[in-house]
Protein backbone atom coordinates (compact mmCIF):
# COMPACT_ATOMS: atom_id res chain seq x y z
CA MET A 1 -16.34 2.96 28.44
CA ARG A 2 -14.13 3.60 25.41
CA GLY A 3 -10.96 2.59 27.24
CA PRO A 4 -12.31 -0.65 28.81
CA HIS A 5 -14.12 -1.47 25.57
CA ASN A 6 -10.85 -1.21 23.64
CA ILE A 7 -9.03 -3.26 26.27
CA LEU A 8 -11.55 -6.07 25.83
CA ARG A 9 -11.28 -5.92 22.06
CA LEU A 10 -7.49 -5.89 22.30
CA ILE A 11 -7.48 -8.92 24.58
CA ARG A 12 -9.79 -10.76 22.20
CA THR A 13 -7.49 -9.88 19.30
CA GLY A 14 -4.46 -11.08 21.24
CA ALA A 15 -6.28 -14.28 22.18
CA THR A 16 -6.92 -15.04 18.50
CA LEU A 17 -3.31 -14.29 17.60
CA GLU A 18 -2.12 -16.61 20.37
CA ARG A 19 -4.60 -19.38 19.60
CA THR A 20 -3.71 -19.45 15.90
CA GLY A 21 0.03 -19.32 16.58
CA ALA A 22 0.38 -15.90 14.94
CA MET A 23 1.49 -14.03 18.07
CA PRO A 24 5.15 -15.22 18.14
CA VAL A 25 5.38 -14.98 14.34
CA ILE A 26 4.32 -11.33 14.32
CA LEU A 27 6.35 -10.31 17.39
CA ASN A 28 9.49 -11.93 15.96
CA ALA A 29 8.93 -10.35 12.54
CA LEU A 30 8.65 -6.96 14.19
CA ASP A 31 11.78 -7.67 16.24
CA ALA A 32 9.75 -6.54 19.24
CA PRO A 33 11.61 -5.85 22.50
CA ARG A 34 11.73 -8.71 24.99
CA THR A 35 9.59 -6.81 27.50
CA LEU A 36 6.82 -6.34 24.96
CA LYS A 37 6.94 -10.00 23.87
CA PHE A 38 6.67 -11.17 27.47
CA ALA A 39 3.87 -8.75 28.39
CA ALA A 40 1.79 -9.50 25.29
CA ARG A 41 1.96 -13.28 25.60
CA PHE A 42 1.63 -13.30 29.41
CA ILE A 43 -1.61 -11.30 29.29
CA VAL A 44 -3.41 -13.13 26.49
CA TRP A 45 -2.31 -16.70 27.23
CA PRO A 46 -5.03 -17.39 29.89
CA PHE A 47 -7.69 -16.02 27.52
CA GLN A 48 -6.95 -18.12 24.45
CA PHE A 49 -10.43 -19.62 24.71
CA LEU A 50 -11.80 -16.19 23.71
CA GLY A 51 -9.90 -16.30 20.43
CA ARG A 52 -11.13 -17.64 17.12
CA ARG A 53 -9.62 -20.74 15.52
CA GLY A 54 -9.60 -19.49 11.92
CA ASP A 55 -8.97 -21.42 8.72
CA GLN A 56 -6.36 -24.04 9.64
CA SER A 57 -5.29 -24.42 6.00
CA LEU A 58 -3.66 -20.97 6.19
CA SER A 59 -0.34 -20.03 7.77
CA PRO A 60 -0.67 -18.49 11.28
CA ALA A 61 -0.73 -14.75 10.46
CA PRO A 62 -3.25 -14.86 7.56
CA ARG A 63 -5.28 -17.40 9.54
CA ALA A 64 -5.62 -15.03 12.51
CA LEU A 65 -6.39 -11.95 10.43
CA THR A 66 -9.06 -13.61 8.29
CA ALA A 67 -10.69 -14.95 11.45
CA MET A 68 -10.99 -11.46 12.96
CA GLY A 69 -12.88 -9.82 10.11
CA PRO A 70 -12.73 -7.07 7.45
CA ALA A 71 -10.57 -4.47 9.22
CA TYR A 72 -7.93 -7.04 10.14
CA ILE A 73 -7.91 -8.53 6.63
CA LYS A 74 -7.41 -5.08 5.15
CA PHE A 75 -4.75 -4.30 7.75
CA GLY A 76 -2.89 -7.43 6.72
CA GLN A 77 -3.12 -6.46 3.06
CA ILE A 78 -1.69 -3.03 3.83
CA LEU A 79 1.11 -4.53 5.93
CA SER A 80 1.99 -6.81 3.00
CA THR A 81 3.09 -3.61 1.23
CA ARG A 82 5.37 -2.65 4.14
CA PRO A 83 8.25 -5.16 4.37
CA ASP A 84 10.16 -2.36 6.10
CA VAL A 85 7.76 -2.78 9.04
CA VAL A 86 6.96 -6.50 9.20
CA GLY A 87 9.99 -7.94 7.41
CA PRO A 88 10.12 -9.58 3.98
CA GLU A 89 9.09 -13.07 5.15
CA LEU A 90 5.88 -12.00 6.91
CA ALA A 91 5.08 -9.52 4.12
CA GLU A 92 5.28 -12.42 1.65
CA GLN A 93 2.88 -14.49 3.81
CA LEU A 94 0.42 -11.61 4.05
CA ARG A 95 0.42 -11.14 0.28
CA VAL A 96 -1.64 -14.32 -0.04
CA LEU A 97 -4.40 -12.89 2.15
CA GLN A 98 -7.73 -13.31 0.43
CA ASP A 99 -11.02 -11.63 1.25
CA ARG A 100 -12.83 -14.66 2.61
CA LEU A 101 -16.04 -12.97 3.60
CA PRO A 102 -19.55 -13.96 2.50
CA PRO A 103 -21.38 -11.53 0.21
CA PHE A 104 -24.36 -9.54 1.42
CA SER A 105 -27.69 -9.85 -0.35
CA THR A 106 -28.41 -8.28 -3.74
CA ASP A 107 -31.55 -6.65 -2.29
CA VAL A 108 -29.40 -4.79 0.24
CA ALA A 109 -27.08 -3.69 -2.58
CA LYS A 110 -30.04 -2.36 -4.56
CA GLN A 111 -31.32 -0.49 -1.49
CA SER A 112 -27.89 1.07 -1.02
CA PHE A 113 -27.85 2.08 -4.69
CA LYS A 114 -31.24 3.79 -4.36
CA SER A 115 -30.25 5.51 -1.13
CA GLU A 116 -27.03 6.88 -2.66
CA ILE A 117 -28.07 7.65 -6.24
CA GLY A 118 -31.74 8.46 -5.66
CA LEU A 119 -32.89 6.08 -8.41
CA ASP A 120 -34.43 2.62 -8.21
CA ALA A 121 -31.93 0.04 -9.46
CA ASP A 122 -34.68 -1.78 -11.38
CA ASP A 123 -35.45 1.44 -13.26
CA VAL A 124 -31.80 1.96 -14.22
CA PHE A 125 -30.66 -1.60 -14.94
CA SER A 126 -32.34 -4.27 -17.05
CA ASP A 127 -30.16 -6.75 -15.18
CA PHE A 128 -28.52 -6.52 -11.74
CA SER A 129 -26.63 -9.76 -11.05
CA GLU A 130 -25.84 -11.59 -7.86
CA PRO A 131 -22.39 -10.65 -6.41
CA VAL A 132 -19.53 -11.64 -8.73
CA ALA A 133 -16.82 -10.67 -6.19
CA ALA A 134 -17.00 -10.03 -2.44
CA ALA A 135 -14.16 -8.25 -0.66
CA SER A 136 -13.57 -6.94 2.86
CA ILE A 137 -14.92 -3.46 2.12
CA ALA A 138 -17.23 -3.84 -0.87
CA GLN A 139 -18.67 -6.27 -3.37
CA VAL A 140 -19.22 -6.08 -7.12
CA HIS A 141 -22.29 -6.83 -9.23
CA ARG A 142 -22.62 -6.94 -13.00
CA GLY A 143 -25.39 -4.81 -14.46
CA GLU A 144 -26.82 -3.81 -17.81
CA LEU A 145 -28.05 -0.26 -18.39
CA LYS A 146 -31.64 -0.11 -19.63
CA ASP A 147 -31.15 2.91 -21.89
CA THR A 148 -28.00 1.78 -23.72
CA GLY A 149 -27.66 -1.95 -23.04
CA GLN A 150 -24.09 -1.34 -21.87
CA SER A 151 -22.59 -3.78 -19.35
CA VAL A 152 -21.27 -2.14 -16.20
CA ALA A 153 -19.69 -3.12 -12.90
CA ILE A 154 -21.48 -1.82 -9.79
CA LYS A 155 -19.32 -1.70 -6.67
CA VAL A 156 -21.23 -1.26 -3.39
CA LEU A 157 -19.79 -0.81 0.10
CA ARG A 158 -20.79 -3.32 2.76
CA PRO A 159 -23.59 -2.15 5.09
CA GLU A 160 -22.30 -0.46 8.26
CA ILE A 161 -18.71 -1.06 7.15
CA GLU A 162 -17.66 2.45 8.15
CA ARG A 163 -18.87 1.92 11.71
CA ALA A 164 -17.21 -1.50 11.94
CA PHE A 165 -13.89 -0.14 10.71
CA GLN A 166 -14.05 2.83 13.08
CA LYS A 167 -14.41 0.51 16.07
CA ASP A 168 -11.41 -1.55 15.01
CA LEU A 169 -9.38 1.57 14.18
CA ASP A 170 -10.00 2.86 17.70
CA THR A 171 -8.61 -0.43 19.01
CA PHE A 172 -5.59 -0.25 16.68
CA TYR A 173 -4.75 3.28 17.85
CA PHE A 174 -5.21 2.23 21.48
CA ALA A 175 -2.85 -0.73 20.95
CA ALA A 176 -0.23 1.46 19.24
CA ARG A 177 -0.28 3.99 22.09
CA LEU A 178 -0.05 1.21 24.66
CA VAL A 179 2.90 -0.39 22.88
CA GLU A 180 4.76 2.95 22.69
CA PHE A 181 3.98 3.62 26.36
CA VAL A 182 5.04 0.22 27.69
CA SER A 183 8.13 -0.16 25.50
CA PRO A 184 9.81 3.07 24.35
CA LYS A 185 12.24 0.96 22.29
CA SER A 186 9.34 -0.11 20.09
CA ARG A 187 8.95 3.48 18.88
CA ARG A 188 11.58 2.82 16.25
CA LEU A 189 8.89 0.69 14.54
CA LYS A 190 6.65 3.80 14.45
CA PRO A 191 3.45 1.95 15.43
CA MET A 192 1.35 5.13 15.44
CA ASP A 193 2.61 6.04 11.96
CA VAL A 194 1.75 2.56 10.68
CA ILE A 195 -1.80 2.81 12.03
CA ALA A 196 -2.16 6.34 10.66
CA HIS A 197 -1.04 5.07 7.23
CA PHE A 198 -3.62 2.28 7.44
CA ASP A 199 -6.28 4.76 8.57
CA GLY A 200 -5.59 6.99 5.56
CA VAL A 201 -5.74 4.10 3.08
CA VAL A 202 -8.97 2.73 4.55
CA ARG A 203 -10.69 6.12 4.67
CA GLY A 204 -9.84 6.51 0.99
CA GLU A 205 -11.35 3.11 0.16
CA LEU A 206 -14.46 3.83 2.26
CA ASP A 207 -15.26 6.78 0.00
CA LEU A 208 -15.75 5.37 -3.49
CA ARG A 209 -15.70 8.90 -4.92
CA LEU A 210 -11.96 8.91 -4.25
CA GLU A 211 -11.49 5.56 -6.00
CA SER A 212 -13.56 6.89 -8.90
CA ALA A 213 -11.29 9.94 -9.04
CA SER A 214 -8.22 7.68 -9.08
CA ALA A 215 -9.68 5.62 -11.91
CA SER A 216 -10.49 8.79 -13.85
CA GLU A 217 -6.99 10.25 -13.37
CA PHE A 218 -5.35 6.95 -14.28
CA LEU A 219 -7.47 6.74 -17.45
CA ALA A 220 -6.48 10.29 -18.45
CA ASN A 221 -2.79 9.40 -18.00
CA ILE A 222 -2.86 6.18 -20.05
CA LYS A 223 -5.27 7.14 -22.84
CA GLU A 224 -2.38 7.21 -25.37
CA ASP A 225 -0.83 3.94 -24.15
CA LYS A 226 -1.40 1.29 -26.81
CA GLY A 227 -2.30 -2.13 -25.48
CA PHE A 228 -3.40 -0.91 -22.04
CA SER A 229 -6.83 0.31 -20.95
CA VAL A 230 -8.87 1.26 -17.88
CA PRO A 231 -12.69 1.18 -17.55
CA SER A 232 -14.46 4.55 -17.59
CA VAL A 233 -16.37 5.72 -14.53
CA ASN A 234 -20.07 6.52 -14.88
CA TRP A 235 -20.13 9.57 -12.61
CA SER A 236 -23.91 9.99 -12.74
CA LEU A 237 -24.31 6.54 -11.16
CA SER A 238 -21.46 6.85 -8.64
CA SER A 239 -21.32 8.35 -5.15
CA ARG A 240 -19.64 7.85 -1.79
CA ARG A 241 -20.90 4.27 -1.31
CA VAL A 242 -21.53 3.22 -4.92
CA MET A 243 -19.19 3.17 -7.92
CA THR A 244 -20.34 2.32 -11.43
CA LEU A 245 -17.89 1.82 -14.28
CA ASP A 246 -17.63 -0.01 -17.60
CA TRP A 247 -17.53 -3.77 -17.35
CA ALA A 248 -14.10 -5.21 -18.24
CA ASP A 249 -14.46 -8.34 -20.36
CA GLY A 250 -11.45 -10.54 -20.90
CA VAL A 251 -9.37 -13.50 -19.78
CA PRO A 252 -7.94 -13.18 -16.26
CA MET A 253 -4.20 -12.53 -16.39
CA GLY A 254 -3.64 -15.38 -13.96
CA ASP A 255 -5.12 -17.98 -16.35
CA VAL A 256 -2.04 -18.54 -18.51
CA ASP A 257 -3.47 -21.61 -20.27
CA ALA A 258 -6.61 -19.71 -21.31
CA LEU A 259 -4.48 -16.80 -22.56
CA ALA A 260 -2.40 -19.17 -24.68
CA ALA A 261 -5.52 -20.94 -25.97
CA ALA A 262 -6.95 -17.54 -26.99
CA GLY A 263 -3.85 -16.97 -29.15
CA HIS A 264 -2.25 -14.21 -27.09
CA ASN A 265 1.55 -13.80 -27.22
CA LEU A 266 2.53 -14.53 -23.61
CA SER A 267 6.08 -13.24 -23.94
CA GLU A 268 4.89 -9.93 -25.40
CA LEU A 269 2.24 -9.62 -22.67
CA GLY A 270 4.92 -10.10 -20.00
CA ASP A 271 7.08 -7.36 -21.53
CA ARG A 272 4.10 -5.03 -21.83
CA VAL A 273 3.03 -5.42 -18.19
CA LEU A 274 6.49 -4.34 -17.06
CA HIS A 275 6.70 -1.52 -19.64
CA MET A 276 3.34 -0.10 -18.58
CA PHE A 277 4.15 -0.16 -14.88
CA LEU A 278 7.50 1.61 -15.34
CA ASN A 279 5.91 4.16 -17.66
CA HIS A 280 3.20 4.96 -15.14
CA ALA A 281 5.65 5.20 -12.25
CA LEU A 282 8.32 7.28 -14.04
CA ARG A 283 6.39 9.23 -16.63
CA ASP A 284 3.23 9.96 -14.62
CA GLY A 285 4.25 9.47 -11.00
CA PHE A 286 0.87 7.78 -10.50
CA PHE A 287 0.71 4.01 -10.69
CA HIS A 288 -1.56 1.10 -9.86
CA ALA A 289 -0.12 -0.20 -6.58
CA ASP A 290 -2.11 -3.45 -6.50
CA MET A 291 -1.26 -4.74 -9.97
CA HIS A 292 -1.55 -8.48 -9.37
CA GLN A 293 -3.17 -11.03 -11.72
CA GLY A 294 -6.55 -10.70 -10.01
CA ASN A 295 -6.77 -7.03 -11.02
CA LEU A 296 -5.73 -7.56 -14.64
CA LYS A 297 -7.50 -9.04 -17.66
CA VAL A 298 -6.61 -9.41 -21.32
CA SER A 299 -9.39 -8.36 -23.71
CA SER A 300 -10.19 -10.10 -26.98
CA SER A 301 -8.29 -7.33 -28.77
CA GLY A 302 -5.17 -8.11 -26.72
CA ASP A 303 -5.34 -5.03 -24.49
CA ILE A 304 -4.34 -5.39 -20.85
CA VAL A 305 -7.25 -4.07 -18.77
CA ALA A 306 -6.61 -2.92 -15.18
CA PHE A 307 -9.28 -2.42 -12.53
CA ASP A 308 -9.71 -1.96 -8.76
CA PHE A 309 -8.13 1.40 -7.99
CA GLY A 310 -8.35 1.39 -4.20
CA ILE A 311 -4.56 1.46 -3.74
CA MET A 312 -2.62 3.83 -6.00
CA GLY A 313 0.98 5.01 -5.68
CA HIS A 314 2.16 8.63 -5.96
CA ILE A 315 5.74 9.77 -6.60
CA ASP A 316 6.68 13.43 -7.00
CA GLU A 317 8.74 14.53 -10.01
CA TYR A 318 12.01 14.96 -8.11
CA THR A 319 11.77 11.50 -6.55
CA ARG A 320 11.02 10.00 -9.97
CA ARG A 321 14.22 11.50 -11.34
CA VAL A 322 16.23 10.16 -8.42
CA TYR A 323 14.66 6.73 -8.79
CA ALA A 324 15.37 6.68 -12.55
CA GLU A 325 19.01 7.69 -12.00
CA ILE A 326 19.42 4.95 -9.41
CA LEU A 327 17.97 2.32 -11.75
CA PHE A 328 20.00 3.62 -14.69
CA GLY A 329 23.16 3.58 -12.60
CA PHE A 330 22.58 -0.04 -11.71
CA ILE A 331 21.80 -0.93 -15.34
CA LYS A 332 25.13 0.69 -16.35
CA ARG A 333 26.78 -0.82 -13.23
CA ASP A 334 28.02 2.65 -12.29
CA TYR A 335 27.87 2.21 -8.52
CA LYS A 336 29.75 5.42 -7.75
CA ARG A 337 27.07 7.42 -9.55
CA VAL A 338 24.30 5.54 -7.71
CA ALA A 339 26.01 6.41 -4.42
CA GLN A 340 26.37 10.08 -5.42
CA VAL A 341 22.67 10.26 -6.32
CA HIS A 342 21.73 9.06 -2.84
CA PHE A 343 23.93 11.75 -1.26
CA GLU A 344 22.72 14.50 -3.63
CA ALA A 345 19.10 13.66 -2.84
CA GLY A 346 19.79 13.76 0.89
CA TYR A 347 18.73 10.15 1.32
CA VAL A 348 22.03 9.25 3.00
CA PRO A 349 23.50 11.60 5.65
CA GLN A 350 26.47 13.67 4.52
CA ASP A 351 28.67 12.33 7.33
CA GLN A 352 28.76 8.92 5.63
CA ASP A 353 31.56 7.90 3.25
CA VAL A 354 30.44 7.93 -0.40
CA ASP A 355 33.15 5.49 -1.53
CA GLU A 356 32.29 2.99 1.19
CA PHE A 357 28.63 3.33 0.25
CA ALA A 358 29.50 2.70 -3.43
CA ARG A 359 31.35 -0.48 -2.46
CA SER A 360 28.32 -1.67 -0.51
CA LEU A 361 26.14 -0.99 -3.56
CA ARG A 362 28.51 -3.02 -5.71
CA ALA A 363 28.06 -5.90 -3.28
CA VAL A 364 24.32 -5.59 -3.92
CA GLY A 365 24.42 -5.27 -7.71
CA GLU A 366 27.16 -7.62 -8.89
CA PRO A 367 25.66 -10.88 -7.57
CA ILE A 368 22.34 -10.05 -9.23
CA PHE A 369 23.94 -9.24 -12.58
CA GLY A 370 25.80 -12.53 -12.36
CA MET A 371 22.52 -14.45 -12.43
CA ASP A 372 20.89 -15.84 -15.54
CA ALA A 373 18.01 -13.91 -17.09
CA SER A 374 15.31 -15.95 -15.36
CA ASN A 375 16.61 -14.96 -11.91
CA ILE A 376 17.46 -11.28 -12.41
CA SER A 377 15.02 -9.27 -10.30
CA MET A 378 14.62 -5.53 -10.04
CA GLY A 379 12.37 -6.02 -7.02
CA ARG A 380 15.08 -8.04 -5.27
CA LEU A 381 17.62 -5.39 -6.15
CA LEU A 382 15.49 -2.65 -4.59
CA SER A 383 14.92 -4.80 -1.51
CA TYR A 384 18.67 -5.30 -1.03
CA LEU A 385 19.25 -1.63 -1.77
CA PHE A 386 16.92 -0.57 1.06
CA GLU A 387 18.76 -2.87 3.44
CA VAL A 388 22.09 -1.23 2.56
CA THR A 389 20.76 2.33 2.72
CA GLU A 390 19.20 1.62 6.11
CA ARG A 391 22.65 0.64 7.42
CA PHE A 392 23.95 3.98 6.17
CA GLY A 393 21.26 5.96 7.99
CA MET A 394 18.67 6.42 5.24
CA GLU A 395 15.18 6.92 6.67
CA THR A 396 12.32 4.80 5.34
CA ARG A 397 10.49 6.41 2.44
CA THR A 398 6.96 5.00 2.24
CA GLU A 399 6.44 5.84 -1.44
CA LEU A 400 9.58 3.93 -2.44
CA ILE A 401 8.61 0.94 -0.28
CA LEU A 402 5.23 0.83 -2.05
CA LEU A 403 7.00 1.14 -5.40
CA GLN A 404 9.35 -1.72 -4.52
CA ARG A 405 6.49 -3.94 -3.38
CA THR A 406 4.54 -3.26 -6.58
CA MET A 407 7.67 -3.91 -8.63
CA VAL A 408 7.91 -7.36 -7.04
CA VAL A 409 4.25 -8.08 -7.84
CA VAL A 410 4.57 -6.88 -11.45
CA GLU A 411 7.71 -8.97 -11.92
CA GLY A 412 5.77 -11.98 -10.67
CA VAL A 413 3.02 -11.31 -13.21
CA ALA A 414 5.57 -10.90 -16.02
CA ARG A 415 7.41 -14.10 -15.08
CA SER A 416 4.17 -16.09 -14.92
CA LEU A 417 3.72 -15.18 -18.59
CA ASN A 418 7.38 -15.53 -19.62
CA PRO A 419 9.63 -17.35 -17.11
CA GLN A 420 12.74 -16.43 -19.17
CA ILE A 421 12.08 -12.68 -19.22
CA ASN A 422 15.18 -10.51 -18.72
CA ILE A 423 13.87 -7.77 -16.46
CA TRP A 424 16.81 -5.43 -17.07
CA GLU A 425 16.65 -5.65 -20.87
CA VAL A 426 12.92 -4.96 -20.82
CA ALA A 427 13.27 -2.06 -18.39
CA ARG A 428 16.31 -0.45 -20.02
CA PRO A 429 14.59 1.44 -22.91
CA ILE A 430 11.93 2.85 -20.55
CA VAL A 431 14.49 4.08 -18.02
CA GLU A 432 16.88 5.41 -20.69
CA GLY A 433 14.02 7.23 -22.43
CA TYR A 434 12.96 8.86 -19.20
CA ILE A 435 16.55 9.89 -18.40
CA LYS A 436 17.00 11.50 -21.83
CA SER A 437 13.75 13.46 -21.68
CA ASN A 438 13.95 14.51 -18.02
CA LEU A 439 17.63 14.96 -17.21
CA GLY A 440 19.02 16.46 -20.42
CA PRO A 441 19.41 20.10 -21.58
CA ALA A 442 15.72 20.35 -22.55
CA ALA A 443 14.71 19.29 -19.03
CA VAL A 444 17.04 21.90 -17.47
CA LEU A 445 15.50 24.61 -19.65
CA ASN A 446 12.01 23.46 -18.71
CA ASP A 447 12.90 23.55 -14.99
CA LEU A 448 14.23 27.11 -15.32
CA THR A 449 11.08 28.18 -17.14
CA THR A 450 8.90 26.67 -14.43
CA THR A 451 10.97 28.38 -11.73
CA LEU A 452 10.62 31.78 -13.46
CA LYS A 453 6.85 31.30 -13.72
CA VAL A 454 6.65 30.63 -9.98
CA LEU A 455 8.77 33.70 -9.20
CA ALA A 456 6.59 35.79 -11.52
CA ARG A 457 3.46 34.77 -9.61
CA PHE A 458 5.05 35.82 -6.32
CA GLY A 459 6.83 38.85 -7.80
CA PRO A 460 4.88 41.58 -5.95
CA ARG A 461 5.32 39.76 -2.65
CA LEU A 462 9.00 38.83 -3.00
CA PRO A 463 10.40 41.91 -1.18
CA SER A 464 8.19 41.40 1.87
CA LEU A 465 8.88 37.64 1.92
CA VAL A 466 12.64 38.26 1.84
CA GLU A 467 12.33 40.87 4.58
CA GLN A 468 10.32 38.51 6.82
CA ALA A 469 12.85 35.72 6.25
CA LEU A 470 15.75 37.99 7.22
CA ILE A 471 13.97 39.26 10.32
CA LYS A 472 13.21 35.69 11.38
CA GLN A 473 16.84 34.69 10.74
CA TYR A 474 18.24 37.37 13.03
CA ASN A 475 15.43 37.26 15.61
CA PRO A 476 14.72 33.55 16.15
CA GLU A 477 11.74 32.63 18.28
CA PRO A 478 12.65 31.31 21.74
CA GLN A 479 12.49 27.52 21.88
CA ILE A 480 10.23 25.96 24.47
CA VAL A 481 11.90 23.05 26.20
CA LYS A 482 9.43 20.19 26.50
CA ARG A 483 9.71 17.78 29.37
CA SER A 484 10.44 14.22 28.34
CA TRP A 485 8.23 11.69 30.04
CA ASN A 486 10.09 8.61 28.84
CA GLY A 487 12.29 8.31 31.88
CA SER A 488 9.61 9.01 34.47
CA LEU A 489 6.97 6.71 33.00
CA LYS A 490 9.11 3.82 31.86
CA PRO A 491 9.17 2.03 35.26
CA PHE A 492 5.37 2.03 35.30
CA GLY A 493 4.94 0.42 31.86
CA LEU A 494 4.39 -3.11 33.09
CA GLY A 495 2.25 -1.78 35.90
CA VAL A 496 -0.18 -0.39 33.36
CA ILE A 497 -0.32 -3.77 31.63
CA PHE A 498 -1.14 -5.60 34.82
CA ALA A 499 -3.68 -2.96 35.80
CA CYS A 500 -5.39 -3.52 32.46
CA LEU A 501 -5.38 -7.26 33.16
CA ALA A 502 -7.05 -6.73 36.52
CA LEU A 503 -9.63 -4.47 34.92
CA LEU A 504 -10.29 -7.09 32.28
CA ILE A 505 -11.01 -9.75 34.88
CA LEU A 506 -13.59 -7.46 36.45
CA LEU A 507 -15.14 -6.53 33.10
CA LEU A 508 -15.52 -10.16 32.04
CA PHE A 509 -18.58 -10.15 34.26
CA ILE A 510 -20.05 -7.17 32.37
CA PRO A 511 -21.94 -8.04 29.15
CA ILE A 512 -20.22 -6.19 26.30
CA ASN A 513 -21.46 -6.20 22.71
CA PHE A 514 -18.45 -6.76 20.42
CA ASN A 515 -20.42 -6.23 17.21
C-alpha cells in the first residue's frame, strides 16, 4: 500500500496548500510548467475540505507548512536557503518560518535521556527544567550537573520523530518522481535533487552525534578568535538522540535595547559578527549557516556566543580562493578580473565572451557601489551575481547559494546593531588578508609542497597508474546507448494523474491512518 498511501498523503498536502492559498504562490515561484499547474490544482481543488486551515496570521506558504507538521516546517526552512529553487521572494517569506509546535513532556525527555545514556536523569542532574525551546525536531532543557554544579543545555529529539520524517520523506520523493514523470520540463528545477538535499540535511539533524561533531569542529576552529565563543559538548552525556553542552548565558542578539542597556558597543558588535562569519567561511571553509539573531547571544564579557549547529556550511579550499578573488575584484571594481576568475574556475563555459561577461558584471557592481553605506549589501551583490552567471550558463553551486543566503542573514544581524555599517569597508581587511596569505608566493610554495607530498605517497604506484590511464585512453570502453523514455511516456503523463485521482476516490472509502 506504499503507493496508494503516498497518493493519499500527497492529496492531503495539496489540499492544505490549496486551502491556505499557498498552491499558486509556490507553483508561480517555481515557474512550474502550465501542464503541471493545471494538473496539480485540478486534482486537489475538490478535496480542499481535507486540508488544514493553518495560522491565518501568516502568509500563505508559511501558513500551509506550519499546519502540516515538523517535516514540512523543516522543508520550508531548508528551501529558505535555496532562492535558486524557489525564487528570492518566496525564500524571504520562508525565512520567517518558526517552529510552532508544542513541547513534549519533561518526563518523556528524561526517559529518552536514560534510554540513550544509560543513566537516570535525576542521578545526573540536580535540576532538569521544563522545555526552554521547542523546535520541529528537538527541544531543549536547562540542567545543572550534580557533581560540578555546571549549567548545561540538554537537547532531546522528539519521540518517534525519525518515523514521522521517514513517512513524509517517502511522500516527498513520490511527489518529485511524479512531477518529473508528468512534466519533463520541470526537471530543470531538479526536484529529486532538492528532496535528496533535504533528506541529507534532515538525516544529519536526526543524529545529534553529527551536530555534536559539528559543534566540536567549529569550537576547534574558533578557539583563537577573540570575542567569539561556542559551547563545549559533553560527550559522555551525548548520543544519537541526546546532546548535552555548556549552557550559553547572555543577552539575545536580537534584543538591541537590552544590549545597549548592558553597555555593549553595538557598532563594534555589528562589525565583529561580519568579521567572524567571513573568517570562518574563508579561513576555515566551515561556517555556521544559520547565524540569525535567535542563534546568537552576547555574554556579560562581551563575547558573541553561537549555538545550534544543525546547519553548517562547507567550502573546499579551491572554492574559497575563487570566492575571495571574486569579492576582492568587486571591492577593487576590477570587473575584468572577476570575469577571468569565473572562466579560470570553469564556472562559466569557455564558449562565452569574457569581455561581454565583464560588462554584465559591471552592470551588477556599479549601481551597488553608487549607494550610500547603509544600503551597500554584499548579499545583494552575490544574488545579482548569480543571476548574471546563470544567464551565461553557470550551473547552480549549492555551497555558494548557502553562503549567499547566510551572508544575507549575517548582514541583517549586523545592520540591526549598526544601521550605518559599511559592509565593504568592514569586509575589506578580511578579504585582503586572506588573498595575501593564500594567493601570494608563500601560498604557491605551500601548494607545491603539498603536491609533492601526495606524489610521494603514491610514488610506488605511479608507473602502474600511468600505464592504466594510457591503456584506457587508447582502448576506451564501448558506450551503452540507453533508451530515452521521455518521448514515449510523455503523452501518458496526464493519464497517470487522472488514474491516481480515480484510485483516490476508491481509497477514500478505506480507513487509512495518517499518523
